[in-house]
Amino acid sequence: MGRFGVVAMLVAAGMLVLVGGLLLAQTGGTPGQGGRAGTGGAAGPPDSSARDLERLGAMLTDARLIGAERTAAEAAVTKKLEARRDLITALGDLRAATEDTKVTDEGLKQAVGTYEKALAKYRGVVETQDKALVAKLSVRSQARCLAVGILDNGIGMMGRRSRPGGTEGGGGGGRRGPEAAP
């Protein structure tokens, strides 16, 4: 690995630590110790901050973004993850309402309405962040960001997935397998 590769890896590691620190500061502590994010309401899932950071790192690696494009993508994904955690909290509250044997139909209607507002807010954040990010990306980077789920692609964040030819992660692109010419 050349000097540039080592520097790029150090910058990437530093950015992940920075994003992790920001996420922990916003959640109010260490993962799983009562922070707000990822609590999912009364019946929601456990905190997923560490998993989100891993997924973010994998997506950025797969998209092969560098410099200002990478910085812009990190900021956009961080804001979308924050909005997603708020949506998960709202979903947890809705689930808790469905499990409450004392809740009335009116209470359930109100819980559904609250969730639908949270969903609309989440979708608005995603749309706003994606528009701003697209304005800062080259066409190739935009395509890569769609492919890995940094930009909303209707499927979600895919992170590192097996690719044709049996490679994993962000390899060099191009044709692979027995048909690829050396």
C-alpha atoms as a PDB file:
ATOM      1  CA  MET A   1       0.000   0.000   0.000  1.00  0.00           C
ATOM      2  CA  GLY A   2       1.410   3.346  -0.993  1.00  0.00           C
ATOM      3  CA  ARG A   3       1.732   6.466   1.066  1.00  0.00           C
ATOM      4  CA  PHE A   4      -1.565   7.829  -0.281  1.00  0.00           C
ATOM      5  CA  GLY A   5      -3.357   4.615   0.727  1.00  0.00           C
ATOM      6  CA  VAL A   6      -2.080   4.847   4.295  1.00  0.00           C
ATOM      7  CA  VAL A   7      -3.087   8.512   4.534  1.00  0.00           C
ATOM      8  CA  ALA A   8      -6.517   7.721   3.087  1.00  0.00           C
ATOM      9  CA  MET A   9      -7.027   4.931   5.631  1.00  0.00           C
ATOM     10  CA  LEU A  10      -6.013   7.203   8.508  1.00  0.00           C
ATOM     11  CA  VAL A  11      -8.357   9.957   7.315  1.00  0.00           C
ATOM     12  CA  ALA A  12     -11.203   7.441   6.973  1.00  0.00           C
ATOM     13  CA  ALA A  13     -10.567   6.066  10.465  1.00  0.00           C
ATOM     14  CA  GLY A  14     -10.440   9.579  11.881  1.00  0.00           C
ATOM     15  CA  MET A  15     -13.735  10.491  10.235  1.00  0.00           C
ATOM     16  CA  LEU A  16     -15.412   7.381  11.641  1.00  0.00           C
ATOM     17  CA  VAL A  17     -14.165   8.244  15.125  1.00  0.00           C
ATOM     18  CA  LEU A  18     -15.450  11.801  14.687  1.00  0.00           C
ATOM     19  CA  VAL A  19     -18.863  10.656  13.478  1.00  0.00           C
ATOM     20  CA  GLY A  20     -19.006   8.102  16.302  1.00  0.00           C
ATOM     21  CA  GLY A  21     -18.219  10.771  18.851  1.00  0.00           C
ATOM     22  CA  LEU A  22     -20.899  13.037  17.439  1.00  0.00           C
ATOM     23  CA  LEU A  23     -23.478  10.259  17.521  1.00  0.00           C
ATOM     24  CA  LEU A  24     -22.623   9.321  21.077  1.00  0.00           C
ATOM     25  CA  ALA A  25     -22.760  12.954  22.172  1.00  0.00           C
ATOM     26  CA  GLN A  26     -26.217  13.299  20.628  1.00  0.00           C
ATOM     27  CA  THR A  27     -27.531  10.081  22.177  1.00  0.00           C
ATOM     28  CA  GLY A  28     -26.468  11.068  25.651  1.00  0.00           C
ATOM     29  CA  GLY A  29     -23.846   8.453  26.437  1.00  0.00           C
ATOM     30  CA  THR A  30     -22.507   5.117  25.465  1.00  0.00           C
ATOM     31  CA  PRO A  31     -24.570   2.698  23.389  1.00  0.00           C
ATOM     32  CA  GLY A  32     -27.063   0.743  25.451  1.00  0.00           C
ATOM     33  CA  GLN A  33     -26.840   2.988  28.533  1.00  0.00           C
ATOM     34  CA  GLY A  34     -30.052   4.920  28.315  1.00  0.00           C
ATOM     35  CA  GLY A  35     -29.264   7.299  25.468  1.00  0.00           C
ATOM     36  CA  ARG A  36     -32.269   8.510  23.521  1.00  0.00           C
ATOM     37  CA  ALA A  37     -31.306   7.287  20.087  1.00  0.00           C
ATOM     38  CA  GLY A  38     -32.238   3.799  19.120  1.00  0.00           C
ATOM     39  CA  THR A  39     -34.367   3.170  22.162  1.00  0.00           C
ATOM     40  CA  GLY A  40     -37.374   2.664  19.952  1.00  0.00           C
ATOM     41  CA  GLY A  41     -39.904   3.661  22.568  1.00  0.00           C
ATOM     42  CA  ALA A  42     -41.214   1.228  25.139  1.00  0.00           C
ATOM     43  CA  ALA A  43     -41.137  -1.770  22.782  1.00  0.00           C
ATOM     44  CA  GLY A  44     -38.419  -0.668  20.369  1.00  0.00           C
ATOM     45  CA  PRO A  45     -35.151  -2.273  19.352  1.00  0.00           C
ATOM     46  CA  PRO A  46     -31.876  -1.815  21.249  1.00  0.00           C
ATOM     47  CA  ASP A  47     -29.455   0.971  20.371  1.00  0.00           C
ATOM     48  CA  SER A  48     -27.863   0.487  16.956  1.00  0.00           C
ATOM     49  CA  SER A  49     -25.338   3.351  16.914  1.00  0.00           C
ATOM     50  CA  ALA A  50     -22.274   1.109  16.614  1.00  0.00           C
ATOM     51  CA  ARG A  51     -23.911  -0.928  13.857  1.00  0.00           C
ATOM     52  CA  ASP A  52     -24.920   2.273  12.039  1.00  0.00           C
ATOM     53  CA  LEU A  53     -21.312   3.488  12.179  1.00  0.00           C
ATOM     54  CA  GLU A  54     -20.064   0.197  10.772  1.00  0.00           C
ATOM     55  CA  ARG A  55     -22.650   0.373   8.007  1.00  0.00           C
ATOM     56  CA  LEU A  56     -21.713   3.992   7.258  1.00  0.00           C
ATOM     57  CA  GLY A  57     -18.037   3.073   6.993  1.00  0.00           C
ATOM     58  CA  ALA A  58     -18.809   0.139   4.704  1.00  0.00           C
ATOM     59  CA  MET A  59     -21.052   2.240   2.471  1.00  0.00           C
ATOM     60  CA  LEU A  60     -18.481   5.004   2.146  1.00  0.00           C
ATOM     61  CA  THR A  61     -15.809   2.428   1.337  1.00  0.00           C
ATOM     62  CA  ASP A  62     -18.030   0.790  -1.279  1.00  0.00           C
ATOM     63  CA  ALA A  63     -18.895   4.143  -2.859  1.00  0.00           C
ATOM     64  CA  ARG A  64     -15.167   4.993  -3.035  1.00  0.00           C
ATOM     65  CA  LEU A  65     -15.796   8.627  -2.139  1.00  0.00           C
ATOM     66  CA  ILE A  66     -12.882  10.883  -1.249  1.00  0.00           C
ATOM     67  CA  GLY A  67     -12.354  14.453  -0.190  1.00  0.00           C
ATOM     68  CA  ALA A  68     -15.313  16.835  -0.232  1.00  0.00           C
ATOM     69  CA  GLU A  69     -17.659  14.194  -1.642  1.00  0.00           C
ATOM     70  CA  ARG A  70     -16.916  11.852   1.257  1.00  0.00           C
ATOM     71  CA  THR A  71     -17.307  14.634   3.811  1.00  0.00           C
ATOM     72  CA  ALA A  72     -20.660  15.659   2.297  1.00  0.00           C
ATOM     73  CA  ALA A  73     -21.854  12.038   2.244  1.00  0.00           C
ATOM     74  CA  GLU A  74     -20.858  11.491   5.878  1.00  0.00           C
ATOM     75  CA  ALA A  75     -22.778  14.583   6.950  1.00  0.00           C
ATOM     76  CA  ALA A  76     -25.875  13.609   4.949  1.00  0.00           C
ATOM     77  CA  VAL A  77     -25.912  10.028   6.186  1.00  0.00           C
ATOM     78  CA  THR A  78     -25.369  11.142   9.777  1.00  0.00           C
ATOM     79  CA  LYS A  79     -28.431  13.418   9.578  1.00  0.00           C
ATOM     80  CA  LYS A  80     -30.472  10.670   7.936  1.00  0.00           C
ATOM     81  CA  LEU A  81     -29.432   8.205  10.653  1.00  0.00           C
ATOM     82  CA  GLU A  82     -30.523  10.691  13.323  1.00  0.00           C
ATOM     83  CA  ALA A  83     -33.894  11.039  11.606  1.00  0.00           C
ATOM     84  CA  ARG A  84     -34.126   7.254  11.307  1.00  0.00           C
ATOM     85  CA  ARG A  85     -33.536   6.823  15.042  1.00  0.00           C
ATOM     86  CA  ASP A  86     -36.335   9.297  15.750  1.00  0.00           C
ATOM     87  CA  LEU A  87     -38.598   7.311  13.417  1.00  0.00           C
ATOM     88  CA  ILE A  88     -37.664   4.066  15.166  1.00  0.00           C
ATOM     89  CA  THR A  89     -38.558   5.675  18.489  1.00  0.00           C
ATOM     90  CA  ALA A  90     -41.952   6.698  17.073  1.00  0.00           C
ATOM     91  CA  LEU A  91     -42.492   3.176  15.743  1.00  0.00           C
ATOM     92  CA  GLY A  92     -41.658   1.760  19.159  1.00  0.00           C
ATOM     93  CA  ASP A  93     -44.224   4.064  20.719  1.00  0.00           C
ATOM     94  CA  LEU A  94     -46.823   2.891  18.187  1.00  0.00           C
ATOM     95  CA  ARG A  95     -45.997  -0.745  18.915  1.00  0.00           C
ATOM     96  CA  ALA A  96     -46.312  -0.099  22.633  1.00  0.00           C
ATOM     97  CA  ALA A  97     -49.747   1.428  22.062  1.00  0.00           C
ATOM     98  CA  THR A  98     -50.865  -1.673  20.146  1.00  0.00           C
ATOM     99  CA  GLU A  99     -49.790  -3.870  23.069  1.00  0.00           C
ATOM    100  CA  ASP A 100     -51.560  -1.750  25.684  1.00  0.00           C
ATOM    101  CA  THR A 101     -54.789  -3.572  26.506  1.00  0.00           C
ATOM    102  CA  LYS A 102     -56.250  -0.387  28.009  1.00  0.00           C
ATOM    103  CA  VAL A 103     -55.736   1.829  24.961  1.00  0.00           C
ATOM    104  CA  THR A 104     -58.909   2.933  23.206  1.00  0.00           C
ATOM    105  CA  ASP A 105     -59.523   3.109  19.470  1.00  0.00           C
ATOM    106  CA  GLU A 106     -59.120   6.877  19.775  1.00  0.00           C
ATOM    107  CA  GLY A 107     -55.771   6.354  21.478  1.00  0.00           C
ATOM    108  CA  LEU A 108     -54.681   4.037  18.668  1.00  0.00           C
ATOM    109  CA  LYS A 109     -55.785   6.563  16.036  1.00  0.00           C
ATOM    110  CA  GLN A 110     -53.723   9.182  17.817  1.00  0.00           C
ATOM    111  CA  ALA A 111     -50.693   6.841  17.967  1.00  0.00           C
ATOM    112  CA  VAL A 112     -51.011   6.116  14.235  1.00  0.00           C
ATOM    113  CA  GLY A 113     -51.266   9.841  13.503  1.00  0.00           C
ATOM    114  CA  THR A 114     -48.172  10.570  15.585  1.00  0.00           C
ATOM    115  CA  TYR A 115     -46.245   7.855  13.758  1.00  0.00           C
ATOM    116  CA  GLU A 116     -47.389   9.109  10.357  1.00  0.00           C
ATOM    117  CA  LYS A 117     -46.134  12.602  11.239  1.00  0.00           C
ATOM    118  CA  ALA A 118     -42.770  11.139  12.275  1.00  0.00           C
ATOM    119  CA  LEU A 119     -42.628   9.185   9.012  1.00  0.00           C
ATOM    120  CA  ALA A 120     -43.355  12.312   6.975  1.00  0.00           C
ATOM    121  CA  LYS A 121     -40.627  14.179   8.869  1.00  0.00           C
ATOM    122  CA  TYR A 122     -38.147  11.345   8.220  1.00  0.00           C
ATOM    123  CA  ARG A 123     -38.973  11.297   4.513  1.00  0.00           C
ATOM    124  CA  GLY A 124     -38.521  15.068   4.371  1.00  0.00           C
ATOM    125  CA  VAL A 125     -35.075  14.840   5.967  1.00  0.00           C
ATOM    126  CA  VAL A 126     -34.045  12.081   3.547  1.00  0.00           C
ATOM    127  CA  GLU A 127     -35.243  14.062   0.537  1.00  0.00           C
ATOM    128  CA  THR A 128     -33.552  17.274   1.699  1.00  0.00           C
ATOM    129  CA  GLN A 129     -30.251  15.553   2.484  1.00  0.00           C
ATOM    130  CA  ASP A 130     -30.250  13.621  -0.784  1.00  0.00           C
ATOM    131  CA  LYS A 131     -30.902  16.741  -2.864  1.00  0.00           C
ATOM    132  CA  ALA A 132     -28.092  18.599  -1.133  1.00  0.00           C
ATOM    133  CA  LEU A 133     -25.708  15.651  -1.520  1.00  0.00           C
ATOM    134  CA  VAL A 134     -26.482  15.083  -5.210  1.00  0.00           C
ATOM    135  CA  ALA A 135     -25.528  18.705  -5.863  1.00  0.00           C
ATOM    136  CA  LYS A 136     -22.037  17.947  -4.517  1.00  0.00           C
ATOM    137  CA  LEU A 137     -21.420  14.613  -6.271  1.00  0.00           C
ATOM    138  CA  SER A 138     -20.037  13.697  -9.664  1.00  0.00           C
ATOM    139  CA  VAL A 139     -22.308  11.495 -11.774  1.00  0.00           C
ATOM    140  CA  ARG A 140     -20.126   8.436 -11.032  1.00  0.00           C
ATOM    141  CA  SER A 141     -20.219   9.128  -7.284  1.00  0.00           C
ATOM    142  CA  GLN A 142     -23.974   9.664  -7.456  1.00  0.00           C
ATOM    143  CA  ALA A 143     -24.400   6.271  -9.136  1.00  0.00           C
ATOM    144  CA  ARG A 144     -22.217   4.605  -6.516  1.00  0.00           C
ATOM    145  CA  CYS A 145     -24.101   6.301  -3.682  1.00  0.00           C
ATOM    146  CA  LEU A 146     -27.389   5.038  -5.105  1.00  0.00           C
ATOM    147  CA  ALA A 147     -25.978   1.538  -5.500  1.00  0.00           C
ATOM    148  CA  VAL A 148     -24.888   1.229  -1.863  1.00  0.00           C
ATOM    149  CA  GLY A 149     -27.791   3.123  -0.300  1.00  0.00           C
ATOM    150  CA  ILE A 150     -26.131   6.380   0.722  1.00  0.00           C
ATOM    151  CA  LEU A 151     -28.719   8.067  -1.499  1.00  0.00           C
ATOM    152  CA  ASP A 152     -32.276   6.789  -1.108  1.00  0.00           C
ATOM    153  CA  ASN A 153     -32.705   3.978  -3.608  1.00  0.00           C
ATOM    154  CA  GLY A 154     -35.954   2.509  -2.327  1.00  0.00           C
ATOM    155  CA  ILE A 155     -34.136  -0.511  -0.893  1.00  0.00           C
ATOM    156  CA  GLY A 156     -32.135   1.080   1.884  1.00  0.00           C
ATOM    157  CA  MET A 157     -28.577   0.992   3.072  1.00  0.00           C
ATOM    158  CA  MET A 158     -26.962  -2.126   1.745  1.00  0.00           C
ATOM    159  CA  GLY A 159     -23.407  -1.760   3.017  1.00  0.00           C
ATOM    160  CA  ARG A 160     -20.951  -4.448   1.983  1.00  0.00           C
ATOM    161  CA  ARG A 161     -22.587  -7.094  -0.129  1.00  0.00           C
ATOM    162  CA  SER A 162     -21.166  -9.846  -2.228  1.00  0.00           C
ATOM    163  CA  ARG A 163     -20.660  -8.702  -5.795  1.00  0.00           C
ATOM    164  CA  PRO A 164     -20.639 -10.586  -9.089  1.00  0.00           C
ATOM    165  CA  GLY A 165     -17.437 -12.595  -9.406  1.00  0.00           C
ATOM    166  CA  GLY A 166     -17.401 -13.452  -5.711  1.00  0.00           C
ATOM    167  CA  THR A 167     -15.689 -10.294  -4.463  1.00  0.00           C
ATOM    168  CA  GLU A 168     -16.730  -8.630  -1.274  1.00  0.00           C
ATOM    169  CA  GLY A 169     -16.782  -4.894  -0.665  1.00  0.00           C
ATOM    170  CA  GLY A 170     -15.378  -2.071  -2.678  1.00  0.00           C
ATOM    171  CA  GLY A 171     -12.821  -3.701  -5.029  1.00  0.00           C
ATOM    172  CA  GLY A 172     -11.600  -1.943  -8.109  1.00  0.00           C
ATOM    173  CA  GLY A 173     -14.654  -2.379 -10.329  1.00  0.00           C
ATOM    174  CA  GLY A 174     -14.577  -3.710 -13.852  1.00  0.00           C
ATOM    175  CA  ARG A 175     -15.193  -7.269 -15.018  1.00  0.00           C
ATOM    176  CA  ARG A 176     -14.311 -10.184 -12.789  1.00  0.00           C
ATOM    177  CA  GLY A 177     -14.359 -13.917 -12.954  1.00  0.00           C
ATOM    178  CA  PRO A 178     -13.136 -16.337 -15.619  1.00  0.00           C
ATOM    179  CA  GLU A 179     -14.336 -14.137 -18.490  1.00  0.00           C
ATOM    180  CA  ALA A 180     -12.239 -11.155 -17.380  1.00  0.00           C
ATOM    181  CA  ALA A 181      -9.121 -10.693 -19.411  1.00  0.00           C
ATOM    182  CA  PRO A 182      -5.857 -10.305 -17.459  1.00  0.00           C
END
